[in-house]
Amino acid sequence: MLESTLEKIAEKIIAFDEASLTSLWEKYKIRMEKFDATKEWEKAVIIFFIINAVRVKNQIFNERILKKHGGDVVPEKPKKSKPYLKLIK
């Protein structure tokens, strides 16, 4: 029963559009970072990781399709951001 429930959830998630999910990524990242011991926080964490799972799944899928068709896989460039450093005197 658990396995069939998970498979049904996966089928629904696969049907979601990655762009729509990605637009929610920042919202759930912020919510997840603000810990409180509530069901809403737990749901936010799960949603955040579902969004990441779909993004990773699509990245792997696209890389494999390119390899299969003889294309070169171009690695995604990491985003440049300021390092999180504090000046301590």
Protein backbone atom coordinates (compact mmCIF):
# COMPACT_ATOMS: atom_id res chain seq x y z
CA MET A 1 0.00 0.00 0.00
CA LEU A 2 2.80 2.43 0.86
CA GLU A 3 4.62 1.70 -2.37
CA SER A 4 1.51 2.20 -4.52
CA THR A 5 0.79 5.49 -2.74
CA LEU A 6 4.33 6.68 -3.43
CA GLU A 7 4.00 5.65 -7.09
CA LYS A 8 0.78 7.67 -7.40
CA ILE A 9 2.47 10.69 -5.84
CA ALA A 10 5.40 10.30 -8.26
CA GLU A 11 3.02 10.15 -11.24
CA LYS A 12 1.40 13.41 -10.16
CA ILE A 13 4.76 15.10 -9.59
CA ILE A 14 6.08 14.00 -12.99
CA ALA A 15 3.12 15.79 -14.58
CA PHE A 16 4.16 19.13 -13.02
CA ASP A 17 5.95 21.68 -15.16
CA GLU A 18 9.54 22.28 -14.00
CA ALA A 19 9.33 26.01 -14.69
CA SER A 20 6.26 26.34 -12.48
CA LEU A 21 7.93 24.36 -9.71
CA THR A 22 11.13 26.37 -10.01
CA SER A 23 9.17 29.59 -9.55
CA LEU A 24 8.23 28.28 -6.08
CA TRP A 25 11.76 27.21 -5.13
CA GLU A 26 12.79 30.46 -3.39
CA LYS A 27 9.54 30.65 -1.40
CA TYR A 28 9.98 27.17 0.06
CA LYS A 29 13.72 27.63 0.60
CA ILE A 30 13.03 30.69 2.75
CA ARG A 31 10.22 28.90 4.59
CA MET A 32 12.41 25.85 5.23
CA GLU A 33 15.23 28.00 6.62
CA LYS A 34 12.88 29.52 9.21
CA PHE A 35 12.53 26.48 11.42
CA ASP A 36 9.58 26.01 13.69
CA ALA A 37 8.19 22.73 14.91
CA THR A 38 4.99 22.79 12.88
CA LYS A 39 3.39 20.67 10.18
CA GLU A 40 3.59 23.68 7.84
CA TRP A 41 7.38 23.75 8.21
CA GLU A 42 7.57 19.99 7.62
CA LYS A 43 5.46 20.34 4.47
CA ALA A 44 7.66 23.20 3.25
CA VAL A 45 10.77 21.02 3.61
CA ILE A 46 9.14 18.18 1.67
CA ILE A 47 7.96 20.55 -1.07
CA PHE A 48 11.43 22.12 -1.32
CA PHE A 49 13.03 18.72 -1.83
CA ILE A 50 10.36 17.62 -4.30
CA ILE A 51 11.15 20.70 -6.40
CA ASN A 52 14.86 19.88 -6.22
CA ALA A 53 14.18 16.23 -7.08
CA VAL A 54 12.29 17.23 -10.24
CA ARG A 55 15.09 19.60 -11.25
CA VAL A 56 17.76 16.92 -10.74
CA LYS A 57 15.67 14.29 -12.51
CA ASN A 58 15.27 16.57 -15.53
CA GLN A 59 18.99 17.42 -15.56
CA ILE A 60 19.94 13.73 -15.55
CA PHE A 61 17.30 12.96 -18.19
CA ASN A 62 18.55 15.72 -20.49
CA GLU A 63 22.20 14.67 -20.08
CA ARG A 64 21.38 11.06 -20.92
CA ILE A 65 19.36 12.06 -23.99
CA LEU A 66 22.25 14.20 -25.23
CA LYS A 67 24.74 11.38 -24.69
CA LYS A 68 22.45 8.91 -26.44
CA HIS A 69 22.19 11.14 -29.48
CA GLY A 70 25.92 11.85 -29.57
CA GLY A 71 25.76 15.38 -28.28
CA ASP A 72 28.26 16.88 -25.91
CA VAL A 73 27.04 17.47 -22.42
CA VAL A 74 27.75 21.03 -21.40
CA PRO A 75 28.07 21.26 -17.63
CA GLU A 76 26.02 23.98 -16.02
CA LYS A 77 28.22 26.82 -14.81
CA PRO A 78 27.97 27.39 -11.08
CA LYS A 79 26.40 30.68 -10.14
CA LYS A 80 28.84 33.22 -8.79
CA SER A 81 27.83 34.59 -5.47
CA LYS A 82 29.52 36.33 -2.62
CA PRO A 83 31.01 33.94 -0.10
CA TYR A 84 29.40 34.05 3.29
CA LEU A 85 32.23 35.54 5.30
CA LYS A 86 32.28 37.76 8.36
CA LEU A 87 35.13 40.03 9.36
CA ILE A 88 36.21 39.21 12.88
CA LYS A 89 38.58 41.54 14.66
